[in-house]
Amino acid sequence: ALRHAGAEVPPEWVRWLADASLRRPPERAGGLLDGLPGAAAVLAALGEGDAAVELLERTSAGPPPPGADLATGRAGRALVALRVTRATGGPGACPPPEVFRTASDLARLARGETVPGLTAPPSAGLLRGLSGAALLHLELYELTGERHLLDSARDILHREAAHCVRMPGGSVQVKDGRRHLLYLDQGSGGFALVARAYLDHREDPLLSGLLPGVRQGCVLEFVREPGLFTGRAGLTATAHALDTAPADGPARTAPAPDVLASVRNLTWHLVQRDDRLLVPGAGLRRFSTDLATGSAGLLLALHTLAASPGTPGSPTGPRALLSLLTLG
């Protein structure tokens, strides 16, 4: 979060992250958001390529996770391997073969085929659904130009779209049992970011027809938590990202009035102590500084809203927000 916001990252923090990660045994490697692959992604982005490559080697030495999602499963591991390869070997570097094998397994799973040792998530979303698998296919397509990867991204997104319902007020949300979800973690917000990235390559009336309803839901007044993955900050950033690259109509540059109103409503959640603003985390049980629910996530969300569109390196639009959420 500090790196993306342009703040200095203390070298001792980077060293601590590398050393602590190398102490974790390969059999507990974890995934993008709970283990060594996520640490590898961050270290590669901070210029610690050797440490990142070593962590990926340790990850591959352990058993693959049974889940298919981006947060803790195989889609996240494959996306990190792709990112680290490009960060350490240059834009033209060829991803490891297991990245393509994982992409193929995820595509088969999305088609309803049985893949031994791999289970599909029961709901939809960027981090807990299969939208992350679609993002993996998109990035591989952009690297290789192979059309079947774009076709697989479409098939996966259509599967995710089948979980979406239009609510009485017009918003589009993911139905998960008795719950209806808009979030980036699980819900229609994260799905919409990947769908919008797909629409940069190919028209799709089903996907483009859902985006306005998702955007409408992202600025609803009542949101229980403030955080990035499952709260107001993430929904607000998503609404603004969709505005900067709409499926139809002109793109916005400055945040829309309803987006700014949602930003102001963050004050309902935050607690001031001296010169600090504290963020209530998951379940509002304690203050948090983490990426998913705490102040690091709010920093990223607010940074995307404050950035100047068109400026080189400016983190605006769906692809930029996706990069932040996947530790790019």
C-alpha atoms as a PDB file:
ATOM      1  CA  ALA A   1       0.000   0.000   0.000  1.00  0.00           C
ATOM      2  CA  LEU A   2       2.824   2.389   0.822  1.00  0.00           C
ATOM      3  CA  ARG A   3       4.561   1.638  -2.475  1.00  0.00           C
ATOM      4  CA  HIS A   4       1.443   2.291  -4.545  1.00  0.00           C
ATOM      5  CA  ALA A   5       0.735   5.496  -2.646  1.00  0.00           C
ATOM      6  CA  GLY A   6       4.233   6.778  -3.407  1.00  0.00           C
ATOM      7  CA  ALA A   7       5.461   6.605   0.184  1.00  0.00           C
ATOM      8  CA  GLU A   8       8.852   5.279   1.237  1.00  0.00           C
ATOM      9  CA  VAL A   9       8.940   1.599   2.152  1.00  0.00           C
ATOM     10  CA  PRO A  10      11.545   1.088   4.924  1.00  0.00           C
ATOM     11  CA  PRO A  11      14.221  -1.369   3.715  1.00  0.00           C
ATOM     12  CA  GLU A  12      14.130  -3.195   7.043  1.00  0.00           C
ATOM     13  CA  TRP A  13      10.458  -4.015   6.467  1.00  0.00           C
ATOM     14  CA  VAL A  14      11.287  -5.526   3.082  1.00  0.00           C
ATOM     15  CA  ARG A  15      14.087  -7.580   4.613  1.00  0.00           C
ATOM     16  CA  TRP A  16      11.822  -8.759   7.417  1.00  0.00           C
ATOM     17  CA  LEU A  17       9.184  -9.889   4.915  1.00  0.00           C
ATOM     18  CA  ALA A  18      11.723 -11.876   2.901  1.00  0.00           C
ATOM     19  CA  ASP A  19      13.300 -13.505   5.971  1.00  0.00           C
ATOM     20  CA  ALA A  20       9.972 -14.361   7.616  1.00  0.00           C
ATOM     21  CA  SER A  21       8.612 -15.838   4.393  1.00  0.00           C
ATOM     22  CA  LEU A  22      11.652 -18.053   3.888  1.00  0.00           C
ATOM     23  CA  ARG A  23      11.081 -19.519   7.359  1.00  0.00           C
ATOM     24  CA  ARG A  24       7.621 -20.780   6.384  1.00  0.00           C
ATOM     25  CA  PRO A  25       7.645 -24.497   5.418  1.00  0.00           C
ATOM     26  CA  PRO A  26       6.607 -25.357   1.832  1.00  0.00           C
ATOM     27  CA  GLU A  27       3.827 -27.665   3.034  1.00  0.00           C
ATOM     28  CA  ARG A  28       2.104 -24.569   4.434  1.00  0.00           C
ATOM     29  CA  ALA A  29       2.833 -22.350   1.435  1.00  0.00           C
ATOM     30  CA  GLY A  30      -0.698 -20.936   1.211  1.00  0.00           C
ATOM     31  CA  GLY A  31      -1.881 -18.686  -1.581  1.00  0.00           C
ATOM     32  CA  LEU A  32      -1.976 -15.143  -2.893  1.00  0.00           C
ATOM     33  CA  LEU A  33      -3.574 -13.598   0.179  1.00  0.00           C
ATOM     34  CA  ASP A  34      -2.501 -16.013   2.903  1.00  0.00           C
ATOM     35  CA  GLY A  35       0.959 -17.294   2.102  1.00  0.00           C
ATOM     36  CA  LEU A  36       4.211 -17.393   0.202  1.00  0.00           C
ATOM     37  CA  PRO A  37       2.844 -16.535  -3.277  1.00  0.00           C
ATOM     38  CA  GLY A  38       1.524 -13.215  -1.980  1.00  0.00           C
ATOM     39  CA  ALA A  39       4.838 -12.439  -0.319  1.00  0.00           C
ATOM     40  CA  ALA A  40       6.590 -13.300  -3.588  1.00  0.00           C
ATOM     41  CA  ALA A  41       4.342 -10.906  -5.519  1.00  0.00           C
ATOM     42  CA  VAL A  42       5.068  -8.045  -3.122  1.00  0.00           C
ATOM     43  CA  LEU A  43       8.810  -8.704  -3.023  1.00  0.00           C
ATOM     44  CA  ALA A  44       8.999  -8.850  -6.832  1.00  0.00           C
ATOM     45  CA  ALA A  45       7.205  -5.504  -7.044  1.00  0.00           C
ATOM     46  CA  LEU A  46       9.697  -4.070  -4.544  1.00  0.00           C
ATOM     47  CA  GLY A  47      12.670  -5.185  -6.647  1.00  0.00           C
ATOM     48  CA  GLU A  48      13.561  -8.281  -4.608  1.00  0.00           C
ATOM     49  CA  GLY A  49      13.395 -10.648  -7.569  1.00  0.00           C
ATOM     50  CA  ASP A  50      15.728 -13.338  -6.212  1.00  0.00           C
ATOM     51  CA  ALA A  51      13.725 -13.689  -2.999  1.00  0.00           C
ATOM     52  CA  ALA A  52      10.478 -13.789  -4.986  1.00  0.00           C
ATOM     53  CA  VAL A  53      11.750 -16.572  -7.253  1.00  0.00           C
ATOM     54  CA  GLU A  54      12.947 -18.580  -4.259  1.00  0.00           C
ATOM     55  CA  LEU A  55       9.559 -18.286  -2.597  1.00  0.00           C
ATOM     56  CA  LEU A  56       7.831 -19.529  -5.742  1.00  0.00           C
ATOM     57  CA  GLU A  57      10.198 -22.509  -5.871  1.00  0.00           C
ATOM     58  CA  ARG A  58       9.343 -23.301  -2.246  1.00  0.00           C
ATOM     59  CA  THR A  59       5.654 -22.970  -3.056  1.00  0.00           C
ATOM     60  CA  SER A  60       5.862 -25.427  -5.957  1.00  0.00           C
ATOM     61  CA  ALA A  61       7.622 -27.926  -3.682  1.00  0.00           C
ATOM     62  CA  GLY A  62       4.492 -28.267  -1.559  1.00  0.00           C
ATOM     63  CA  PRO A  63       1.090 -29.737  -2.423  1.00  0.00           C
ATOM     64  CA  PRO A  64      -1.265 -27.635  -4.596  1.00  0.00           C
ATOM     65  CA  PRO A  65      -4.299 -26.189  -2.824  1.00  0.00           C
ATOM     66  CA  PRO A  66      -7.674 -27.802  -3.554  1.00  0.00           C
ATOM     67  CA  GLY A  67      -9.408 -24.464  -4.136  1.00  0.00           C
ATOM     68  CA  ALA A  68      -9.632 -22.735  -7.512  1.00  0.00           C
ATOM     69  CA  ASP A  69     -10.007 -19.150  -6.320  1.00  0.00           C
ATOM     70  CA  LEU A  70      -7.628 -16.205  -6.362  1.00  0.00           C
ATOM     71  CA  ALA A  71      -7.390 -15.606  -2.618  1.00  0.00           C
ATOM     72  CA  THR A  72      -6.046 -18.937  -1.399  1.00  0.00           C
ATOM     73  CA  GLY A  73      -6.288 -21.274  -4.390  1.00  0.00           C
ATOM     74  CA  ARG A  74      -4.633 -22.183  -7.655  1.00  0.00           C
ATOM     75  CA  ALA A  75      -5.725 -19.167  -9.682  1.00  0.00           C
ATOM     76  CA  GLY A  76      -3.823 -16.941  -7.257  1.00  0.00           C
ATOM     77  CA  ARG A  77      -0.714 -19.096  -7.350  1.00  0.00           C
ATOM     78  CA  ALA A  78      -0.689 -19.132 -11.154  1.00  0.00           C
ATOM     79  CA  LEU A  79      -1.248 -15.382 -11.404  1.00  0.00           C
ATOM     80  CA  VAL A  80       1.684 -14.739  -9.062  1.00  0.00           C
ATOM     81  CA  ALA A  81       3.929 -17.073 -11.073  1.00  0.00           C
ATOM     82  CA  LEU A  82       3.002 -15.138 -14.212  1.00  0.00           C
ATOM     83  CA  ARG A  83       3.632 -11.763 -12.551  1.00  0.00           C
ATOM     84  CA  VAL A  84       6.938 -12.759 -10.939  1.00  0.00           C
ATOM     85  CA  THR A  85       8.205 -14.251 -14.204  1.00  0.00           C
ATOM     86  CA  ARG A  86       7.489 -11.009 -16.037  1.00  0.00           C
ATOM     87  CA  ALA A  87       8.960  -8.873 -13.228  1.00  0.00           C
ATOM     88  CA  THR A  88      12.199 -10.846 -13.047  1.00  0.00           C
ATOM     89  CA  GLY A  89      12.611 -11.958 -16.658  1.00  0.00           C
ATOM     90  CA  GLY A  90      11.190  -8.998 -18.563  1.00  0.00           C
ATOM     91  CA  PRO A  91       7.846  -8.462 -20.357  1.00  0.00           C
ATOM     92  CA  GLY A  92       8.600 -11.133 -22.965  1.00  0.00           C
ATOM     93  CA  ALA A  93       9.560 -13.843 -20.473  1.00  0.00           C
ATOM     94  CA  CYS A  94       7.638 -17.094 -20.930  1.00  0.00           C
ATOM     95  CA  PRO A  95       5.568 -18.164 -17.908  1.00  0.00           C
ATOM     96  CA  PRO A  96       6.296 -21.567 -16.363  1.00  0.00           C
ATOM     97  CA  PRO A  97       4.384 -24.491 -17.954  1.00  0.00           C
ATOM     98  CA  GLU A  98       2.392 -25.027 -14.757  1.00  0.00           C
ATOM     99  CA  VAL A  99       0.715 -21.640 -15.266  1.00  0.00           C
ATOM    100  CA  PHE A 100      -0.802 -22.861 -18.529  1.00  0.00           C
ATOM    101  CA  ARG A 101      -1.715 -26.219 -16.983  1.00  0.00           C
ATOM    102  CA  THR A 102      -3.494 -24.441 -14.140  1.00  0.00           C
ATOM    103  CA  ALA A 103      -5.335 -22.201 -16.594  1.00  0.00           C
ATOM    104  CA  SER A 104      -6.466 -25.262 -18.536  1.00  0.00           C
ATOM    105  CA  ASP A 105      -7.675 -27.005 -15.361  1.00  0.00           C
ATOM    106  CA  LEU A 106      -9.594 -23.893 -14.281  1.00  0.00           C
ATOM    107  CA  ALA A 107     -11.257 -23.620 -17.699  1.00  0.00           C
ATOM    108  CA  ARG A 108     -12.330 -27.262 -17.516  1.00  0.00           C
ATOM    109  CA  LEU A 109     -13.666 -26.753 -14.012  1.00  0.00           C
ATOM    110  CA  ALA A 110     -15.697 -23.734 -15.145  1.00  0.00           C
ATOM    111  CA  ARG A 111     -17.220 -25.863 -17.930  1.00  0.00           C
ATOM    112  CA  GLY A 112     -18.456 -28.313 -15.319  1.00  0.00           C
ATOM    113  CA  GLU A 113     -15.841 -31.001 -15.892  1.00  0.00           C
ATOM    114  CA  THR A 114     -14.323 -32.962 -13.022  1.00  0.00           C
ATOM    115  CA  VAL A 115     -10.712 -32.034 -12.309  1.00  0.00           C
ATOM    116  CA  PRO A 116      -9.130 -34.371  -9.724  1.00  0.00           C
ATOM    117  CA  GLY A 117      -8.061 -32.554  -6.574  1.00  0.00           C
ATOM    118  CA  LEU A 118      -9.678 -29.269  -7.591  1.00  0.00           C
ATOM    119  CA  THR A 119     -12.999 -27.881  -6.357  1.00  0.00           C
ATOM    120  CA  ALA A 120     -15.009 -24.965  -7.708  1.00  0.00           C
ATOM    121  CA  PRO A 121     -16.088 -22.172  -5.371  1.00  0.00           C
ATOM    122  CA  PRO A 122     -19.817 -22.177  -4.590  1.00  0.00           C
ATOM    123  CA  SER A 123     -20.294 -18.469  -5.287  1.00  0.00           C
ATOM    124  CA  ALA A 124     -18.896 -15.712  -7.530  1.00  0.00           C
ATOM    125  CA  GLY A 125     -16.395 -12.906  -7.099  1.00  0.00           C
ATOM    126  CA  LEU A 126     -12.862 -11.765  -7.739  1.00  0.00           C
ATOM    127  CA  LEU A 127     -11.132 -13.301  -4.732  1.00  0.00           C
ATOM    128  CA  ARG A 128     -13.517 -16.040  -3.555  1.00  0.00           C
ATOM    129  CA  GLY A 129     -15.169 -16.952  -6.866  1.00  0.00           C
ATOM    130  CA  LEU A 130     -13.846 -17.756 -10.334  1.00  0.00           C
ATOM    131  CA  SER A 131     -13.509 -14.185 -11.616  1.00  0.00           C
ATOM    132  CA  GLY A 132      -9.844 -14.409 -10.645  1.00  0.00           C
ATOM    133  CA  ALA A 133      -9.474 -17.405 -12.958  1.00  0.00           C
ATOM    134  CA  ALA A 134     -10.920 -15.271 -15.754  1.00  0.00           C
ATOM    135  CA  LEU A 135      -8.342 -12.582 -14.955  1.00  0.00           C
ATOM    136  CA  LEU A 136      -5.561 -15.189 -15.239  1.00  0.00           C
ATOM    137  CA  HIS A 137      -6.828 -16.176 -18.698  1.00  0.00           C
ATOM    138  CA  LEU A 138      -7.034 -12.529 -19.758  1.00  0.00           C
ATOM    139  CA  GLU A 139      -3.435 -11.832 -18.756  1.00  0.00           C
ATOM    140  CA  LEU A 140      -2.240 -14.979 -20.519  1.00  0.00           C
ATOM    141  CA  TYR A 141      -4.171 -13.979 -23.637  1.00  0.00           C
ATOM    142  CA  GLU A 142      -2.595 -10.518 -23.582  1.00  0.00           C
ATOM    143  CA  LEU A 143       0.817 -12.166 -23.313  1.00  0.00           C
ATOM    144  CA  THR A 144       0.387 -14.854 -25.970  1.00  0.00           C
ATOM    145  CA  GLY A 145      -2.460 -13.699 -28.235  1.00  0.00           C
ATOM    146  CA  GLU A 146      -3.994 -17.195 -28.161  1.00  0.00           C
ATOM    147  CA  ARG A 147      -7.741 -16.769 -28.733  1.00  0.00           C
ATOM    148  CA  HIS A 148      -8.775 -19.865 -26.800  1.00  0.00           C
ATOM    149  CA  LEU A 149      -7.600 -18.125 -23.625  1.00  0.00           C
ATOM    150  CA  LEU A 150      -9.942 -15.214 -24.347  1.00  0.00           C
ATOM    151  CA  ASP A 151     -12.746 -17.696 -25.031  1.00  0.00           C
ATOM    152  CA  SER A 152     -12.081 -19.351 -21.674  1.00  0.00           C
ATOM    153  CA  ALA A 153     -12.180 -15.985 -19.904  1.00  0.00           C
ATOM    154  CA  ARG A 154     -15.596 -15.387 -21.487  1.00  0.00           C
ATOM    155  CA  ASP A 155     -16.897 -18.802 -20.442  1.00  0.00           C
ATOM    156  CA  ILE A 156     -15.748 -18.280 -16.858  1.00  0.00           C
ATOM    157  CA  LEU A 157     -17.295 -14.810 -16.675  1.00  0.00           C
ATOM    158  CA  HIS A 158     -20.587 -16.121 -18.042  1.00  0.00           C
ATOM    159  CA  ARG A 159     -20.536 -18.742 -15.289  1.00  0.00           C
ATOM    160  CA  GLU A 160     -19.970 -15.971 -12.756  1.00  0.00           C
ATOM    161  CA  ALA A 161     -22.769 -13.898 -14.315  1.00  0.00           C
ATOM    162  CA  ALA A 162     -25.188 -16.751 -13.658  1.00  0.00           C
ATOM    163  CA  HIS A 163     -24.772 -16.045  -9.928  1.00  0.00           C
ATOM    164  CA  CYS A 164     -25.869 -12.416 -10.391  1.00  0.00           C
ATOM    165  CA  VAL A 165     -29.423 -11.210  -9.817  1.00  0.00           C
ATOM    166  CA  ARG A 166     -31.049  -7.834 -10.327  1.00  0.00           C
ATOM    167  CA  MET A 167     -32.445  -6.461  -7.081  1.00  0.00           C
ATOM    168  CA  PRO A 168     -35.773  -4.552  -6.835  1.00  0.00           C
ATOM    169  CA  GLY A 169     -33.934  -1.216  -6.762  1.00  0.00           C
ATOM    170  CA  GLY A 170     -31.997  -2.047  -9.930  1.00  0.00           C
ATOM    171  CA  SER A 171     -28.603  -2.992  -8.491  1.00  0.00           C
ATOM    172  CA  VAL A 172     -26.930  -6.219  -9.643  1.00  0.00           C
ATOM    173  CA  GLN A 173     -25.581  -8.413  -6.871  1.00  0.00           C
ATOM    174  CA  VAL A 174     -24.304 -11.963  -6.431  1.00  0.00           C
ATOM    175  CA  LYS A 175     -26.830 -14.243  -4.766  1.00  0.00           C
ATOM    176  CA  ASP A 176     -25.171 -16.483  -2.175  1.00  0.00           C
ATOM    177  CA  GLY A 177     -27.841 -18.428  -0.351  1.00  0.00           C
ATOM    178  CA  ARG A 178     -29.915 -15.842   1.498  1.00  0.00           C
ATOM    179  CA  ARG A 179     -27.284 -13.133   1.083  1.00  0.00           C
ATOM    180  CA  HIS A 180     -26.780 -10.692  -1.780  1.00  0.00           C
ATOM    181  CA  LEU A 181     -23.209  -9.430  -2.190  1.00  0.00           C
ATOM    182  CA  LEU A 182     -21.537  -6.561  -4.029  1.00  0.00           C
ATOM    183  CA  TYR A 183     -18.039  -6.822  -2.604  1.00  0.00           C
ATOM    184  CA  LEU A 184     -14.622  -7.182  -4.196  1.00  0.00           C
ATOM    185  CA  ASP A 185     -13.871 -10.286  -2.154  1.00  0.00           C
ATOM    186  CA  GLN A 186     -17.063 -12.145  -2.979  1.00  0.00           C
ATOM    187  CA  GLY A 187     -19.756 -10.421  -4.982  1.00  0.00           C
ATOM    188  CA  SER A 188     -20.563  -8.511  -8.130  1.00  0.00           C
ATOM    189  CA  GLY A 189     -18.070  -5.658  -7.643  1.00  0.00           C
ATOM    190  CA  GLY A 190     -14.959  -7.765  -8.243  1.00  0.00           C
ATOM    191  CA  PHE A 191     -16.667  -9.675 -11.046  1.00  0.00           C
ATOM    192  CA  ALA A 192     -17.522  -6.374 -12.764  1.00  0.00           C
ATOM    193  CA  LEU A 193     -13.879  -5.243 -12.776  1.00  0.00           C
ATOM    194  CA  VAL A 194     -12.785  -8.393 -14.615  1.00  0.00           C
ATOM    195  CA  ALA A 195     -15.793  -8.249 -16.938  1.00  0.00           C
ATOM    196  CA  ARG A 196     -14.902  -4.670 -17.867  1.00  0.00           C
ATOM    197  CA  ALA A 197     -11.309  -5.708 -18.573  1.00  0.00           C
ATOM    198  CA  TYR A 198     -12.628  -8.475 -20.845  1.00  0.00           C
ATOM    199  CA  LEU A 199     -14.789  -5.967 -22.746  1.00  0.00           C
ATOM    200  CA  ASP A 200     -11.608  -4.138 -23.779  1.00  0.00           C
ATOM    201  CA  HIS A 201     -10.989  -7.093 -26.114  1.00  0.00           C
ATOM    202  CA  ARG A 202     -14.427  -8.215 -27.237  1.00  0.00           C
ATOM    203  CA  GLU A 203     -18.034  -7.076 -27.084  1.00  0.00           C
ATOM    204  CA  ASP A 204     -20.406  -9.096 -24.914  1.00  0.00           C
ATOM    205  CA  PRO A 205     -23.998  -7.920 -24.378  1.00  0.00           C
ATOM    206  CA  LEU A 206     -24.521 -10.150 -21.326  1.00  0.00           C
ATOM    207  CA  LEU A 207     -21.553  -8.722 -19.441  1.00  0.00           C
ATOM    208  CA  SER A 208     -21.964  -5.098 -20.529  1.00  0.00           C
ATOM    209  CA  GLY A 209     -25.645  -5.256 -19.585  1.00  0.00           C
ATOM    210  CA  LEU A 210     -24.794  -6.111 -15.978  1.00  0.00           C
ATOM    211  CA  LEU A 211     -22.212  -3.388 -15.351  1.00  0.00           C
ATOM    212  CA  PRO A 212     -24.549  -0.379 -14.846  1.00  0.00           C
ATOM    213  CA  GLY A 213     -26.466  -2.288 -12.166  1.00  0.00           C
ATOM    214  CA  VAL A 214     -23.258  -3.247 -10.378  1.00  0.00           C
ATOM    215  CA  ARG A 215     -22.073   0.344 -10.503  1.00  0.00           C
ATOM    216  CA  GLN A 216     -25.397   1.510  -9.037  1.00  0.00           C
ATOM    217  CA  GLY A 217     -25.032  -0.888  -6.130  1.00  0.00           C
ATOM    218  CA  CYS A 218     -21.494   0.218  -5.339  1.00  0.00           C
ATOM    219  CA  VAL A 219     -22.715   3.608  -4.063  1.00  0.00           C
ATOM    220  CA  LEU A 220     -25.572   2.408  -1.866  1.00  0.00           C
ATOM    221  CA  GLU A 221     -25.717   4.445   1.313  1.00  0.00           C
ATOM    222  CA  PHE A 222     -25.761   1.639   3.874  1.00  0.00           C
ATOM    223  CA  VAL A 223     -22.578  -0.432   4.048  1.00  0.00           C
ATOM    224  CA  ARG A 224     -21.681  -2.163   7.286  1.00  0.00           C
ATOM    225  CA  GLU A 225     -17.871  -2.066   7.127  1.00  0.00           C
ATOM    226  CA  PRO A 226     -15.387   0.486   5.746  1.00  0.00           C
ATOM    227  CA  GLY A 227     -12.723  -1.836   4.304  1.00  0.00           C
ATOM    228  CA  LEU A 228     -11.385  -2.590   0.825  1.00  0.00           C
ATOM    229  CA  PHE A 229     -12.387  -6.221   0.267  1.00  0.00           C
ATOM    230  CA  THR A 230     -15.780  -6.288   1.998  1.00  0.00           C
ATOM    231  CA  GLY A 231     -16.698  -2.672   2.644  1.00  0.00           C
ATOM    232  CA  ARG A 232     -17.360   0.860   1.518  1.00  0.00           C
ATOM    233  CA  ALA A 233     -13.814   1.734   0.415  1.00  0.00           C
ATOM    234  CA  GLY A 234     -13.692  -1.103  -2.099  1.00  0.00           C
ATOM    235  CA  LEU A 235     -17.174  -0.438  -3.450  1.00  0.00           C
ATOM    236  CA  THR A 236     -16.431   3.272  -3.860  1.00  0.00           C
ATOM    237  CA  ALA A 237     -13.176   2.576  -5.686  1.00  0.00           C
ATOM    238  CA  THR A 238     -15.002   0.103  -7.934  1.00  0.00           C
ATOM    239  CA  ALA A 239     -17.705   2.627  -8.849  1.00  0.00           C
ATOM    240  CA  HIS A 240     -15.031   5.164  -9.793  1.00  0.00           C
ATOM    241  CA  ALA A 241     -13.025   2.574 -11.767  1.00  0.00           C
ATOM    242  CA  LEU A 242     -16.107   1.632 -13.777  1.00  0.00           C
ATOM    243  CA  ASP A 243     -16.813   5.325 -14.420  1.00  0.00           C
ATOM    244  CA  THR A 244     -13.336   5.851 -15.878  1.00  0.00           C
ATOM    245  CA  ALA A 245     -13.892   3.023 -18.383  1.00  0.00           C
ATOM    246  CA  PRO A 246     -17.651   2.616 -18.853  1.00  0.00           C
ATOM    247  CA  ALA A 247     -19.126  -0.082 -21.065  1.00  0.00           C
ATOM    248  CA  ASP A 248     -20.967   2.651 -22.975  1.00  0.00           C
ATOM    249  CA  GLY A 249     -21.086   6.432 -22.868  1.00  0.00           C
ATOM    250  CA  PRO A 250     -18.332   8.914 -22.016  1.00  0.00           C
ATOM    251  CA  ALA A 251     -15.694   8.204 -19.425  1.00  0.00           C
ATOM    252  CA  ARG A 252     -15.490  10.334 -16.303  1.00  0.00           C
ATOM    253  CA  THR A 253     -12.259  11.794 -15.041  1.00  0.00           C
ATOM    254  CA  ALA A 254     -13.115  13.336 -11.659  1.00  0.00           C
ATOM    255  CA  PRO A 255     -15.104  11.202  -9.177  1.00  0.00           C
ATOM    256  CA  ALA A 256     -18.875  11.436  -9.647  1.00  0.00           C
ATOM    257  CA  PRO A 257     -21.020  13.197  -6.987  1.00  0.00           C
ATOM    258  CA  ASP A 258     -22.385   9.902  -5.629  1.00  0.00           C
ATOM    259  CA  VAL A 259     -18.831   8.536  -5.364  1.00  0.00           C
ATOM    260  CA  LEU A 260     -17.745  11.607  -3.392  1.00  0.00           C
ATOM    261  CA  ALA A 261     -20.795  11.210  -1.153  1.00  0.00           C
ATOM    262  CA  SER A 262     -19.727   7.635  -0.447  1.00  0.00           C
ATOM    263  CA  VAL A 263     -16.223   8.846   0.413  1.00  0.00           C
ATOM    264  CA  ARG A 264     -17.694  11.353   2.874  1.00  0.00           C
ATOM    265  CA  ASN A 265     -19.683   8.533   4.437  1.00  0.00           C
ATOM    266  CA  LEU A 266     -16.411   6.849   5.408  1.00  0.00           C
ATOM    267  CA  THR A 267     -16.402   9.302   8.320  1.00  0.00           C
ATOM    268  CA  TRP A 268     -19.254   7.266   9.815  1.00  0.00           C
ATOM    269  CA  HIS A 269     -16.779   4.422  10.363  1.00  0.00           C
ATOM    270  CA  LEU A 270     -13.414   6.007  11.186  1.00  0.00           C
ATOM    271  CA  VAL A 271     -12.172   6.879  14.669  1.00  0.00           C
ATOM    272  CA  GLN A 272      -9.696   9.707  15.260  1.00  0.00           C
ATOM    273  CA  ARG A 273      -6.974   9.405  17.862  1.00  0.00           C
ATOM    274  CA  ASP A 274      -4.529  12.286  18.003  1.00  0.00           C
ATOM    275  CA  ASP A 275      -3.302  12.692  14.400  1.00  0.00           C
ATOM    276  CA  ARG A 276      -4.314   9.194  13.311  1.00  0.00           C
ATOM    277  CA  LEU A 277      -7.484   7.798  11.744  1.00  0.00           C
ATOM    278  CA  LEU A 278      -8.209   4.261  12.916  1.00  0.00           C
ATOM    279  CA  VAL A 279     -10.215   1.817  10.815  1.00  0.00           C
ATOM    280  CA  PRO A 280     -12.567  -0.772  12.359  1.00  0.00           C
ATOM    281  CA  GLY A 281     -11.786  -4.080  10.670  1.00  0.00           C
ATOM    282  CA  ALA A 282     -13.729  -7.301  10.043  1.00  0.00           C
ATOM    283  CA  GLY A 283     -16.917  -7.443  12.068  1.00  0.00           C
ATOM    284  CA  LEU A 284     -16.071  -4.005  13.519  1.00  0.00           C
ATOM    285  CA  ARG A 285     -14.542  -5.816  16.509  1.00  0.00           C
ATOM    286  CA  ARG A 286     -11.139  -4.122  16.573  1.00  0.00           C
ATOM    287  CA  PHE A 287      -9.068  -1.584  14.672  1.00  0.00           C
ATOM    288  CA  SER A 288      -7.128  -2.969  11.720  1.00  0.00           C
ATOM    289  CA  THR A 289      -4.232  -1.865   9.540  1.00  0.00           C
ATOM    290  CA  ASP A 290      -4.452  -4.707   7.022  1.00  0.00           C
ATOM    291  CA  LEU A 291      -5.111  -4.634   3.296  1.00  0.00           C
ATOM    292  CA  ALA A 292      -8.407  -6.497   3.299  1.00  0.00           C
ATOM    293  CA  THR A 293     -10.278  -4.686   6.068  1.00  0.00           C
ATOM    294  CA  GLY A 294      -8.079  -1.955   7.537  1.00  0.00           C
ATOM    295  CA  SER A 295      -6.177   1.229   6.923  1.00  0.00           C
ATOM    296  CA  ALA A 296      -3.837  -0.146   4.222  1.00  0.00           C
ATOM    297  CA  GLY A 297      -6.875  -0.966   2.101  1.00  0.00           C
ATOM    298  CA  LEU A 298      -8.418   2.457   2.686  1.00  0.00           C
ATOM    299  CA  LEU A 299      -5.148   4.102   1.693  1.00  0.00           C
ATOM    300  CA  LEU A 300      -5.181   2.249  -1.638  1.00  0.00           C
ATOM    301  CA  ALA A 301      -8.839   2.999  -2.315  1.00  0.00           C
ATOM    302  CA  LEU A 302      -8.494   6.702  -1.559  1.00  0.00           C
ATOM    303  CA  HIS A 303      -5.297   6.882  -3.612  1.00  0.00           C
ATOM    304  CA  THR A 304      -7.139   5.618  -6.688  1.00  0.00           C
ATOM    305  CA  LEU A 305      -9.790   8.302  -6.173  1.00  0.00           C
ATOM    306  CA  ALA A 306      -7.264  11.090  -5.690  1.00  0.00           C
ATOM    307  CA  ALA A 307      -5.062  10.148  -8.658  1.00  0.00           C
ATOM    308  CA  SER A 308      -5.051  12.361 -11.728  1.00  0.00           C
ATOM    309  CA  PRO A 309      -6.404  10.478 -14.783  1.00  0.00           C
ATOM    310  CA  GLY A 310      -4.046  10.358 -17.741  1.00  0.00           C
ATOM    311  CA  THR A 311      -0.930  10.810 -15.629  1.00  0.00           C
ATOM    312  CA  PRO A 312       1.704   8.114 -16.270  1.00  0.00           C
ATOM    313  CA  GLY A 313       1.485   5.540 -13.475  1.00  0.00           C
ATOM    314  CA  SER A 314      -1.847   6.940 -12.323  1.00  0.00           C
ATOM    315  CA  PRO A 315      -3.812   4.071 -10.713  1.00  0.00           C
ATOM    316  CA  THR A 316      -7.173   4.644 -12.382  1.00  0.00           C
ATOM    317  CA  GLY A 317      -9.569   2.339 -14.190  1.00  0.00           C
ATOM    318  CA  PRO A 318     -10.569  -1.300 -13.676  1.00  0.00           C
ATOM    319  CA  ARG A 319      -7.184  -2.764 -14.648  1.00  0.00           C
ATOM    320  CA  ALA A 320      -5.321  -0.547 -12.226  1.00  0.00           C
ATOM    321  CA  LEU A 321      -7.652  -1.452  -9.369  1.00  0.00           C
ATOM    322  CA  LEU A 322      -7.342  -5.143 -10.246  1.00  0.00           C
ATOM    323  CA  SER A 323      -3.569  -4.807 -10.048  1.00  0.00           C
ATOM    324  CA  LEU A 324      -3.809  -3.289  -6.571  1.00  0.00           C
ATOM    325  CA  LEU A 325      -6.153  -6.027  -5.355  1.00  0.00           C
ATOM    326  CA  THR A 326      -3.881  -8.798  -6.655  1.00  0.00           C
ATOM    327  CA  LEU A 327      -0.666  -7.311  -5.217  1.00  0.00           C
ATOM    328  CA  GLY A 328       0.601  -6.263  -8.638  1.00  0.00           C
END
